[in-house]
Amino acid sequence: MIPPRHTFKSRFLDFIHNPFFIVTILTFVGLLWIFQFSTFNFRVPIDYSGDSIPVLIIIKTVIEEGTGDVNSHLGFPFGLHFYDYPDSNLLNILLIRSLTLFTTDPFLILNLFYFMTFFLIAWSALYACLRLGFAPPLSIIIALLFSFAPYHFFRSVSHLFLSAYYAVPLAILLAVEIWNSPRGVASHWTNSLKMNHFLICLVAGMSGIYYAFFSCFILCVAAFVSSFENKSFRPALQGVFLVLLIMACVCQLSSDLSLQNGTRAQ
């Protein structure tokens, strides 16, 4: 028997019923309603006070220098160095750098990155909910609520990288899977799942020191509770391995300190 061919109409219907497509459209509609894009000036910062000024300096540095570490146009006479203010926001810096391919306006990049975080958070929360077995409609609701949480607006562009908390749902997903597995995550990993968990640790370790610490904390709690409940060291060992992987990513910030400490101009 010849299997039925997928017509363009059936593929289109499958696409528009995909939870990720639905959450993308609803996230855009939410932003459209909240920020009134019809009258919103994308080239004017949402906030131009407090910590949004240092954030703009970092964005401008990425535009001009390619990285967020050194700006030769500031800090006369030796330039502005961020080595004494290290972070683990490599992934966020890469996202900002990708936006520089389309524009070199730091104010526009600031706003676009902030709006981008709503989509990234919604997608990561939706992925986590679906992996945990939630029904698609409930997963979409949770993803939208998490993306549009008051915390997101309180942080805004002043704490731009804290507004990018897309690693949190992924870390919670990994912790729950360790907790629920009687022998640790290795007992049901396939090759693809191993790669997924590896990528989650990379995201957690490169999206800010705060969320890296949060990820390590909940992974440790889940792993040791699972070990205690199941009387097995395997979950604890798995948790320690994943925490070390996150810490290895965070160590990118200490490399800047070790390479630059005592060698740069003071």
Protein backbone atom coordinates (compact mmCIF):
# COMPACT_ATOMS: atom_id res chain seq x y z
CA MET A 1 0.00 0.00 0.00
CA ILE A 2 1.37 3.38 -1.03
CA PRO A 3 1.42 5.82 1.90
CA PRO A 4 -0.55 9.02 1.29
CA ARG A 5 1.48 11.98 0.16
CA HIS A 6 1.65 15.02 2.34
CA THR A 7 0.03 17.80 0.41
CA PHE A 8 0.97 21.43 0.79
CA LYS A 9 -2.32 22.05 2.58
CA SER A 10 -1.71 19.31 5.16
CA ARG A 11 1.83 20.51 5.78
CA PHE A 12 0.59 24.07 6.18
CA LEU A 13 -2.06 22.98 8.67
CA ASP A 14 0.52 21.00 10.63
CA PHE A 15 2.76 24.06 10.67
CA ILE A 16 0.17 26.53 11.97
CA HIS A 17 -0.92 24.03 14.63
CA ASN A 18 2.64 23.59 15.84
CA PRO A 19 2.89 24.82 19.47
CA PHE A 20 6.09 26.74 18.72
CA PHE A 21 4.44 28.61 15.86
CA ILE A 22 1.43 29.43 18.04
CA VAL A 23 3.54 30.67 20.95
CA THR A 24 5.61 32.78 18.53
CA ILE A 25 2.53 34.49 17.12
CA LEU A 26 1.02 35.06 20.57
CA THR A 27 4.30 36.44 21.91
CA PHE A 28 4.46 38.90 19.01
CA VAL A 29 0.85 39.91 19.59
CA GLY A 30 1.59 40.44 23.29
CA LEU A 31 4.57 42.67 22.50
CA LEU A 32 2.54 44.52 19.89
CA TRP A 33 -0.17 45.27 22.44
CA ILE A 34 2.11 46.15 25.37
CA PHE A 35 4.62 48.34 23.53
CA GLN A 36 2.29 49.72 20.86
CA PHE A 37 4.63 49.03 17.94
CA SER A 38 2.55 51.27 15.66
CA THR A 39 3.88 54.32 17.51
CA PHE A 40 6.97 52.83 19.14
CA ASN A 41 10.32 54.35 18.13
CA PHE A 42 12.75 51.45 17.95
CA ARG A 43 15.73 53.83 17.79
CA VAL A 44 14.97 55.35 21.18
CA PRO A 45 15.96 53.22 24.21
CA ILE A 46 13.11 51.87 26.31
CA ASP A 47 15.06 53.18 29.30
CA TYR A 48 17.94 55.64 29.24
CA SER A 49 18.87 55.81 32.89
CA GLY A 50 20.65 53.81 35.57
CA ASP A 51 22.32 50.60 34.42
CA SER A 52 21.03 50.93 30.87
CA ILE A 53 23.99 53.27 30.20
CA PRO A 54 26.64 50.60 30.96
CA VAL A 55 24.59 48.13 28.92
CA LEU A 56 24.72 50.52 25.96
CA ILE A 57 28.49 50.82 26.45
CA ILE A 58 28.78 47.03 26.18
CA ILE A 59 26.63 46.99 23.03
CA LYS A 60 28.64 49.82 21.50
CA THR A 61 31.84 47.95 22.36
CA VAL A 62 30.56 44.82 20.63
CA ILE A 63 29.68 46.89 17.55
CA GLU A 64 33.07 48.58 17.33
CA GLU A 65 35.43 45.93 18.68
CA GLY A 66 33.60 42.65 18.02
CA THR A 67 33.74 41.67 21.70
CA GLY A 68 32.55 43.23 24.94
CA ASP A 69 35.95 43.18 26.70
CA VAL A 70 37.89 46.23 25.48
CA ASN A 71 36.85 49.57 24.01
CA SER A 72 39.74 51.60 22.63
CA HIS A 73 37.55 54.71 22.27
CA LEU A 74 36.86 55.05 26.00
CA GLY A 75 39.07 55.22 29.10
CA PHE A 76 41.88 57.49 27.94
CA PRO A 77 44.75 56.86 27.53
CA PHE A 78 44.76 53.04 27.62
CA GLY A 79 41.16 52.27 26.66
CA LEU A 80 38.27 50.85 28.65
CA HIS A 81 38.84 47.31 29.95
CA PHE A 82 36.09 45.11 31.37
CA TYR A 83 38.48 42.44 32.66
CA ASP A 84 37.86 43.50 36.27
CA TYR A 85 34.12 43.16 35.64
CA PRO A 86 33.95 39.65 34.18
CA ASP A 87 30.79 37.80 33.31
CA SER A 88 29.67 34.64 31.57
CA ASN A 89 27.34 36.20 29.02
CA LEU A 90 29.09 34.83 25.96
CA LEU A 91 25.84 33.57 24.46
CA ASN A 92 24.15 36.93 24.94
CA ILE A 93 27.16 38.72 23.45
CA LEU A 94 26.96 36.43 20.42
CA LEU A 95 23.26 37.24 20.03
CA ILE A 96 24.06 40.95 20.15
CA ARG A 97 26.84 40.47 17.64
CA SER A 98 24.43 38.68 15.30
CA LEU A 99 22.20 41.77 15.40
CA THR A 100 25.17 43.92 14.33
CA LEU A 101 25.02 42.15 10.97
CA PHE A 102 21.82 44.09 10.27
CA THR A 103 22.39 47.39 12.08
CA THR A 104 25.08 49.30 13.96
CA ASP A 105 22.65 51.46 15.90
CA PRO A 106 23.24 50.58 19.60
CA PHE A 107 19.82 51.88 20.65
CA LEU A 108 18.05 49.77 18.06
CA ILE A 109 20.10 46.70 19.05
CA LEU A 110 19.25 47.32 22.71
CA ASN A 111 15.52 47.28 22.00
CA LEU A 112 15.66 44.39 19.54
CA PHE A 113 17.64 42.20 21.93
CA TYR A 114 15.16 42.92 24.72
CA PHE A 115 12.23 41.97 22.50
CA MET A 116 14.14 38.89 21.34
CA THR A 117 14.37 37.66 24.93
CA PHE A 118 10.57 37.33 25.08
CA PHE A 119 10.64 34.84 22.22
CA LEU A 120 13.67 32.94 23.53
CA ILE A 121 12.12 32.57 26.99
CA ALA A 122 8.76 31.50 25.58
CA TRP A 123 10.40 28.90 23.32
CA SER A 124 12.58 27.45 26.09
CA ALA A 125 9.66 27.30 28.53
CA LEU A 126 7.46 25.64 25.90
CA TYR A 127 10.16 23.09 25.11
CA ALA A 128 10.59 22.27 28.79
CA CYS A 129 6.86 21.88 29.37
CA LEU A 130 6.40 19.61 26.34
CA ARG A 131 9.37 17.46 27.39
CA LEU A 132 7.85 17.12 30.86
CA GLY A 133 4.62 15.79 29.36
CA PHE A 134 2.32 18.79 29.65
CA ALA A 135 -0.47 19.08 27.11
CA PRO A 136 0.34 21.54 24.28
CA PRO A 137 -2.39 24.09 25.23
CA LEU A 138 -1.24 24.16 28.85
CA SER A 139 2.39 24.34 27.74
CA ILE A 140 1.62 27.37 25.58
CA ILE A 141 -0.13 29.14 28.47
CA ILE A 142 2.76 28.44 30.87
CA ALA A 143 5.33 29.59 28.29
CA LEU A 144 3.53 32.89 27.72
CA LEU A 145 3.03 33.55 31.43
CA PHE A 146 6.69 32.84 32.12
CA SER A 147 7.88 35.04 29.26
CA PHE A 148 5.64 37.97 30.25
CA ALA A 149 6.31 37.64 33.99
CA PRO A 150 6.57 40.96 35.91
CA TYR A 151 10.24 40.17 36.55
CA HIS A 152 10.91 40.59 32.83
CA PHE A 153 9.54 44.13 32.86
CA PHE A 154 11.18 45.06 36.17
CA ARG A 155 14.60 44.15 34.80
CA SER A 156 13.86 45.61 31.36
CA VAL A 157 16.89 46.96 29.45
CA SER A 158 18.58 48.31 32.57
CA HIS A 159 19.51 44.75 33.50
CA LEU A 160 19.39 43.48 29.95
CA PHE A 161 21.21 40.20 30.50
CA LEU A 162 19.05 39.37 33.53
CA SER A 163 16.04 39.86 31.25
CA ALA A 164 17.44 36.99 29.17
CA TYR A 165 16.42 34.21 31.57
CA TYR A 166 15.79 31.63 28.86
CA ALA A 167 18.18 29.19 30.58
CA VAL A 168 15.92 28.84 33.63
CA PRO A 169 13.24 26.54 32.12
CA LEU A 170 15.93 24.35 30.59
CA ALA A 171 17.75 24.00 33.90
CA ILE A 172 14.48 23.13 35.65
CA LEU A 173 13.77 20.52 32.97
CA LEU A 174 17.15 18.90 33.52
CA ALA A 175 16.73 18.94 37.30
CA VAL A 176 13.28 17.33 37.12
CA GLU A 177 14.52 14.60 34.82
CA ILE A 178 17.36 13.80 37.22
CA TRP A 179 14.95 13.80 40.15
CA ASN A 180 12.43 11.51 38.47
CA SER A 181 14.96 9.05 37.11
CA PRO A 182 15.78 6.25 39.60
CA ARG A 183 19.29 5.80 38.22
CA GLY A 184 20.07 9.29 37.01
CA VAL A 185 19.60 10.73 33.58
CA ALA A 186 21.96 8.15 32.07
CA SER A 187 19.41 5.40 32.56
CA HIS A 188 17.18 6.65 29.76
CA TRP A 189 19.52 8.77 27.66
CA THR A 190 19.82 8.14 23.98
CA ASN A 191 22.52 9.82 21.92
CA SER A 192 20.18 12.68 21.01
CA LEU A 193 19.14 13.22 24.64
CA LYS A 194 22.77 13.31 25.71
CA MET A 195 23.36 16.08 23.21
CA ASN A 196 20.26 17.93 24.41
CA HIS A 197 21.45 17.87 28.01
CA PHE A 198 24.93 18.87 26.97
CA LEU A 199 23.51 21.86 25.10
CA ILE A 200 21.38 22.82 28.11
CA CYS A 201 24.51 22.96 30.26
CA LEU A 202 26.25 25.10 27.65
CA VAL A 203 23.32 27.52 27.57
CA ALA A 204 23.19 27.69 31.37
CA GLY A 205 26.93 28.33 31.61
CA MET A 206 27.04 31.02 28.93
CA SER A 207 23.92 33.08 29.68
CA GLY A 208 24.99 34.84 32.86
CA ILE A 209 26.61 33.99 36.19
CA TYR A 210 23.32 34.36 38.09
CA TYR A 211 21.49 31.77 36.02
CA ALA A 212 24.54 29.51 35.98
CA PHE A 213 24.52 29.53 39.80
CA PHE A 214 20.75 28.91 39.85
CA SER A 215 21.17 25.98 37.45
CA CYS A 216 23.96 24.43 39.51
CA PHE A 217 21.97 24.83 42.72
CA ILE A 218 18.79 23.14 41.52
CA LEU A 219 20.77 20.40 39.77
CA CYS A 220 22.61 19.64 43.02
CA VAL A 221 19.38 19.57 45.01
CA ALA A 222 17.62 17.32 42.49
CA ALA A 223 20.60 14.97 42.15
CA PHE A 224 21.23 14.47 45.86
CA VAL A 225 17.54 14.13 46.72
CA SER A 226 17.19 11.52 43.98
CA SER A 227 20.24 9.68 45.31
CA PHE A 228 18.82 9.72 48.84
CA GLU A 229 15.37 8.51 47.74
CA ASN A 230 16.71 5.73 45.50
CA LYS A 231 19.72 4.82 47.66
CA SER A 232 22.01 5.14 44.67
CA PHE A 233 25.05 7.29 44.00
CA ARG A 234 24.36 7.41 40.27
CA PRO A 235 22.04 10.47 40.27
CA ALA A 236 24.49 12.40 42.48
CA LEU A 237 27.37 11.57 40.16
CA GLN A 238 25.30 12.63 37.16
CA GLY A 239 24.41 15.90 38.88
CA VAL A 240 28.03 16.62 39.79
CA PHE A 241 29.09 15.95 36.20
CA LEU A 242 26.50 18.37 34.82
CA VAL A 243 27.40 21.03 37.40
CA LEU A 244 31.07 20.70 36.47
CA LEU A 245 30.13 21.10 32.83
CA ILE A 246 28.29 24.35 33.60
CA MET A 247 31.20 25.56 35.71
CA ALA A 248 33.59 24.80 32.86
CA CYS A 249 31.58 27.15 30.66
CA VAL A 250 31.58 29.82 33.38
CA CYS A 251 35.37 29.55 33.60
CA GLN A 252 35.60 31.57 30.40
CA LEU A 253 35.32 34.62 32.66
CA SER A 254 38.22 33.57 34.90
CA SER A 255 40.43 33.06 31.84
CA ASP A 256 40.17 36.79 31.14
CA LEU A 257 41.30 37.55 34.68
CA SER A 258 44.25 35.16 34.61
CA LEU A 259 45.45 36.40 31.24
CA GLN A 260 45.04 40.09 31.96
CA ASN A 261 45.65 40.48 35.68
CA GLY A 262 48.80 42.53 36.22
CA THR A 263 49.62 42.82 32.49
CA ARG A 264 47.29 45.54 31.26
CA ALA A 265 48.00 49.23 31.67
CA GLN A 266 46.76 50.64 34.98
